[in-house]
């Protein structure tokens, strides 16, 4: 990956639910989906995304 593409990649992605594309990588898209973390009792303890 070229330095400019890497910089665009790190700037474009975010730890939030959504679809992300990066200039220079036009044939790729990243789909970030929400993840629910539960404890052993099934209680929601954290949400990521």
PDB file of N, CA and C in Angstrom:
ATOM      1  N   UNK A   1       0.853  -1.171   0.000  1.00  0.00           N
ATOM      2  CA  UNK A   1       0.000   0.000   0.000  1.00  0.00           C
ATOM      3  C   UNK A   1       0.901   1.237   0.000  1.00  0.00           C
ATOM      4  N   UNK A   2       0.601   2.151  -0.872  1.00  0.00           N
ATOM      5  CA  UNK A   2       1.368   3.397  -0.956  1.00  0.00           C
ATOM      6  C   UNK A   2       1.082   4.274   0.266  1.00  0.00           C
ATOM      7  N   UNK A   3       2.056   5.098   0.661  1.00  0.00           N
ATOM      8  CA  UNK A   3       1.863   5.951   1.838  1.00  0.00           C
ATOM      9  C   UNK A   3       0.618   6.836   1.762  1.00  0.00           C
ATOM     10  N   UNK A   4       0.327   7.395   0.596  1.00  0.00           N
ATOM     11  CA  UNK A   4      -0.860   8.256   0.464  1.00  0.00           C
ATOM     12  C   UNK A   4      -2.141   7.448   0.636  1.00  0.00           C
ATOM     13  N   UNK A   5      -2.152   6.218   0.108  1.00  0.00           N
ATOM     14  CA  UNK A   5      -3.324   5.352   0.253  1.00  0.00           C
ATOM     15  C   UNK A   5      -3.494   4.933   1.705  1.00  0.00           C
ATOM     16  N   UNK A   6      -2.397   4.620   2.368  1.00  0.00           N
ATOM     17  CA  UNK A   6      -2.447   4.261   3.789  1.00  0.00           C
ATOM     18  C   UNK A   6      -2.977   5.419   4.625  1.00  0.00           C
ATOM     19  N   UNK A   7      -2.550   6.630   4.323  1.00  0.00           N
ATOM     20  CA  UNK A   7      -3.042   7.804   5.049  1.00  0.00           C
ATOM     21  C   UNK A   7      -4.536   7.987   4.826  1.00  0.00           C
ATOM     22  N   UNK A   8      -5.004   7.794   3.594  1.00  0.00           N
ATOM     23  CA  UNK A   8      -6.438   7.905   3.299  1.00  0.00           C
ATOM     24  C   UNK A   8      -7.215   6.809   4.017  1.00  0.00           C
ATOM     25  N   UNK A   9      -6.648   5.615   4.074  1.00  0.00           N
ATOM     26  CA  UNK A   9      -7.274   4.476   4.750  1.00  0.00           C
ATOM     27  C   UNK A   9      -7.466   4.764   6.238  1.00  0.00           C
ATOM     28  N   UNK A  10      -6.413   5.213   6.900  1.00  0.00           N
ATOM     29  CA  UNK A  10      -6.514   5.467   8.342  1.00  0.00           C
ATOM     30  C   UNK A  10      -7.407   6.662   8.650  1.00  0.00           C
ATOM     31  N   UNK A  11      -7.495   7.610   7.734  1.00  0.00           N
ATOM     32  CA  UNK A  11      -8.366   8.770   7.947  1.00  0.00           C
ATOM     33  C   UNK A  11      -9.832   8.428   7.714  1.00  0.00           C
ATOM     34  N   UNK A  12     -10.105   7.482   6.811  1.00  0.00           N
ATOM     35  CA  UNK A  12     -11.489   7.179   6.427  1.00  0.00           C
ATOM     36  C   UNK A  12     -12.192   6.248   7.412  1.00  0.00           C
ATOM     37  N   UNK A  13     -11.474   5.271   7.941  1.00  0.00           N
ATOM     38  CA  UNK A  13     -12.114   4.296   8.821  1.00  0.00           C
ATOM     39  C   UNK A  13     -12.372   4.890  10.196  1.00  0.00           C
ATOM     40  N   UNK A  14     -13.496   4.527  10.749  1.00  0.00           N
ATOM     41  CA  UNK A  14     -13.869   4.996  12.082  1.00  0.00           C
ATOM     42  C   UNK A  14     -14.511   3.833  12.837  1.00  0.00           C
ATOM     43  N   UNK A  15     -14.392   3.795  14.157  1.00  0.00           N
ATOM     44  CA  UNK A  15     -14.995   2.713  14.933  1.00  0.00           C
ATOM     45  C   UNK A  15     -16.499   2.922  15.122  1.00  0.00           C
ATOM     46  N   UNK A  16     -17.184   3.185  14.023  1.00  0.00           N
ATOM     47  CA  UNK A  16     -18.633   3.392  14.032  1.00  0.00           C
ATOM     48  C   UNK A  16     -19.244   2.560  12.922  1.00  0.00           C
ATOM     49  N   UNK A  17     -20.451   2.119  13.142  1.00  0.00           N
ATOM     50  CA  UNK A  17     -21.167   1.336  12.148  1.00  0.00           C
ATOM     51  C   UNK A  17     -21.325   2.147  10.867  1.00  0.00           C
ATOM     52  N   UNK A  18     -21.053   1.513   9.741  1.00  0.00           N
ATOM     53  CA  UNK A  18     -21.218   2.185   8.455  1.00  0.00           C
ATOM     54  C   UNK A  18     -20.397   1.519   7.378  1.00  0.00           C
ATOM     55  N   UNK A  19     -20.498   2.034   6.164  1.00  0.00           N
ATOM     56  CA  UNK A  19     -19.749   1.529   5.020  1.00  0.00           C
ATOM     57  C   UNK A  19     -18.712   2.578   4.642  1.00  0.00           C
ATOM     58  N   UNK A  20     -17.473   2.145   4.502  1.00  0.00           N
ATOM     59  CA  UNK A  20     -16.375   3.064   4.247  1.00  0.00           C
ATOM     60  C   UNK A  20     -15.639   2.673   2.975  1.00  0.00           C
ATOM     61  N   UNK A  21     -15.308   3.669   2.162  1.00  0.00           N
ATOM     62  CA  UNK A  21     -14.482   3.479   0.980  1.00  0.00           C
ATOM     63  C   UNK A  21     -13.306   4.435   1.068  1.00  0.00           C
ATOM     64  N   UNK A  22     -12.220   4.054   0.427  1.00  0.00           N
ATOM     65  CA  UNK A  22     -10.990   4.828   0.497  1.00  0.00           C
ATOM     66  C   UNK A  22     -10.538   5.180  -0.914  1.00  0.00           C
ATOM     67  N   UNK A  23     -10.190   6.431  -1.124  1.00  0.00           N
ATOM     68  CA  UNK A  23      -9.626   6.843  -2.408  1.00  0.00           C
ATOM     69  C   UNK A  23      -8.342   6.050  -2.644  1.00  0.00           C
ATOM     70  N   UNK A  24      -8.170   5.545  -3.832  1.00  0.00           N
ATOM     71  CA  UNK A  24      -7.005   4.718  -4.144  1.00  0.00           C
ATOM     72  C   UNK A  24      -7.294   3.242  -4.015  1.00  0.00           C
ATOM     73  N   UNK A  25      -8.355   2.890  -3.335  1.00  0.00           N
ATOM     74  CA  UNK A  25      -8.791   1.493  -3.200  1.00  0.00           C
ATOM     75  C   UNK A  25     -10.255   1.414  -3.623  1.00  0.00           C
ATOM     76  N   UNK A  26     -10.520   1.835  -4.843  1.00  0.00           N
ATOM     77  CA  UNK A  26     -11.901   2.019  -5.299  1.00  0.00           C
ATOM     78  C   UNK A  26     -12.688   0.725  -5.421  1.00  0.00           C
ATOM     79  N   UNK A  27     -12.028  -0.415  -5.502  1.00  0.00           N
ATOM     80  CA  UNK A  27     -12.750  -1.681  -5.638  1.00  0.00           C
ATOM     81  C   UNK A  27     -13.048  -2.331  -4.293  1.00  0.00           C
ATOM     82  N   UNK A  28     -12.676  -1.674  -3.215  1.00  0.00           N
ATOM     83  CA  UNK A  28     -12.912  -2.215  -1.877  1.00  0.00           C
ATOM     84  C   UNK A  28     -13.828  -1.307  -1.068  1.00  0.00           C
ATOM     85  N   UNK A  29     -14.621  -1.933  -0.229  1.00  0.00           N
ATOM     86  CA  UNK A  29     -15.446  -1.198   0.731  1.00  0.00           C
ATOM     87  C   UNK A  29     -15.425  -1.984   2.037  1.00  0.00           C
ATOM     88  N   UNK A  30     -15.337  -1.272   3.134  1.00  0.00           N
ATOM     89  CA  UNK A  30     -15.354  -1.904   4.449  1.00  0.00           C
ATOM     90  C   UNK A  30     -16.697  -1.639   5.089  1.00  0.00           C
ATOM     91  N   UNK A  31     -17.329  -2.706   5.547  1.00  0.00           N
ATOM     92  CA  UNK A  31     -18.610  -2.589   6.225  1.00  0.00           C
ATOM     93  C   UNK A  31     -18.377  -2.872   7.706  1.00  0.00           C
ATOM     94  N   UNK A  32     -18.496  -1.843   8.512  1.00  0.00           N
ATOM     95  CA  UNK A  32     -18.309  -1.976   9.955  1.00  0.00           C
ATOM     96  C   UNK A  32     -19.679  -2.175  10.584  1.00  0.00           C
ATOM     97  N   UNK A  33     -19.829  -3.280  11.288  1.00  0.00           N
ATOM     98  CA  UNK A  33     -21.116  -3.582  11.907  1.00  0.00           C
ATOM     99  C   UNK A  33     -20.993  -3.506  13.423  1.00  0.00           C
ATOM    100  N   UNK A  34     -22.087  -3.151  14.042  1.00  0.00           N
ATOM    101  CA  UNK A  34     -22.129  -3.022  15.498  1.00  0.00           C
ATOM    102  C   UNK A  34     -21.954  -4.401  16.141  1.00  0.00           C
ATOM    103  N   UNK A  35     -21.144  -4.447  17.189  1.00  0.00           N
ATOM    104  CA  UNK A  35     -20.912  -5.668  17.945  1.00  0.00           C
ATOM    105  C   UNK A  35     -21.391  -5.452  19.374  1.00  0.00           C
ATOM    106  N   UNK A  36     -22.173  -6.385  19.867  1.00  0.00           N
ATOM    107  CA  UNK A  36     -22.685  -6.318  21.240  1.00  0.00           C
ATOM    108  C   UNK A  36     -21.919  -7.328  22.085  1.00  0.00           C
ATOM    109  N   UNK A  37     -21.282  -6.869  23.137  1.00  0.00           N
ATOM    110  CA  UNK A  37     -20.517  -7.724  24.043  1.00  0.00           C
ATOM    111  C   UNK A  37     -21.385  -8.005  25.262  1.00  0.00           C
ATOM    112  N   UNK A  38     -21.565  -9.282  25.556  1.00  0.00           N
ATOM    113  CA  UNK A  38     -22.396  -9.685  26.699  1.00  0.00           C
ATOM    114  C   UNK A  38     -21.566 -10.499  27.685  1.00  0.00           C
ATOM    115  N   UNK A  39     -21.938 -10.424  28.949  1.00  0.00           N
ATOM    116  CA  UNK A  39     -21.252 -11.219  29.958  1.00  0.00           C
ATOM    117  C   UNK A  39     -21.835 -12.632  29.979  1.00  0.00           C
ATOM    118  N   UNK A  40     -21.365 -13.451  30.907  1.00  0.00           N
ATOM    119  CA  UNK A  40     -21.787 -14.849  30.986  1.00  0.00           C
ATOM    120  C   UNK A  40     -23.282 -15.001  31.251  1.00  0.00           C
ATOM    121  N   UNK A  41     -23.920 -13.977  31.824  1.00  0.00           N
ATOM    122  CA  UNK A  41     -25.354 -14.025  32.103  1.00  0.00           C
ATOM    123  C   UNK A  41     -26.185 -13.455  30.963  1.00  0.00           C
ATOM    124  N   UNK A  42     -25.527 -13.010  29.898  1.00  0.00           N
ATOM    125  CA  UNK A  42     -26.243 -12.454  28.762  1.00  0.00           C
ATOM    126  C   UNK A  42     -26.556 -10.977  28.880  1.00  0.00           C
ATOM    127  N   UNK A  43     -26.009 -10.327  29.889  1.00  0.00           N
ATOM    128  CA  UNK A  43     -26.242  -8.898  30.091  1.00  0.00           C
ATOM    129  C   UNK A  43     -25.286  -8.108  29.193  1.00  0.00           C
ATOM    130  N   UNK A  44     -25.837  -7.154  28.468  1.00  0.00           N
ATOM    131  CA  UNK A  44     -25.034  -6.313  27.589  1.00  0.00           C
ATOM    132  C   UNK A  44     -24.084  -5.462  28.423  1.00  0.00           C
ATOM    133  N   UNK A  45     -22.778  -5.578  28.150  1.00  0.00           N
ATOM    134  CA  UNK A  45     -21.795  -4.819  28.916  1.00  0.00           C
ATOM    135  C   UNK A  45     -21.056  -3.786  28.074  1.00  0.00           C
ATOM    136  N   UNK A  46     -21.079  -3.958  26.736  1.00  0.00           N
ATOM    137  CA  UNK A  46     -20.375  -3.003  25.884  1.00  0.00           C
ATOM    138  C   UNK A  46     -20.902  -3.100  24.459  1.00  0.00           C
ATOM    139  N   UNK A  47     -20.937  -1.974  23.785  1.00  0.00           N
ATOM    140  CA  UNK A  47     -21.285  -1.918  22.369  1.00  0.00           C
ATOM    141  C   UNK A  47     -20.116  -1.303  21.627  1.00  0.00           C
ATOM    142  N   UNK A  48     -19.683  -1.972  20.575  1.00  0.00           N
ATOM    143  CA  UNK A  48     -18.598  -1.455  19.741  1.00  0.00           C
ATOM    144  C   UNK A  48     -19.164  -1.210  18.356  1.00  0.00           C
ATOM    145  N   UNK A  49     -18.926  -0.030  17.833  1.00  0.00           N
ATOM    146  CA  UNK A  49     -19.412   0.312  16.490  1.00  0.00           C
ATOM    147  C   UNK A  49     -20.602   1.159  16.609  1.00  0.00           C
TER     148      UNK A  49
END
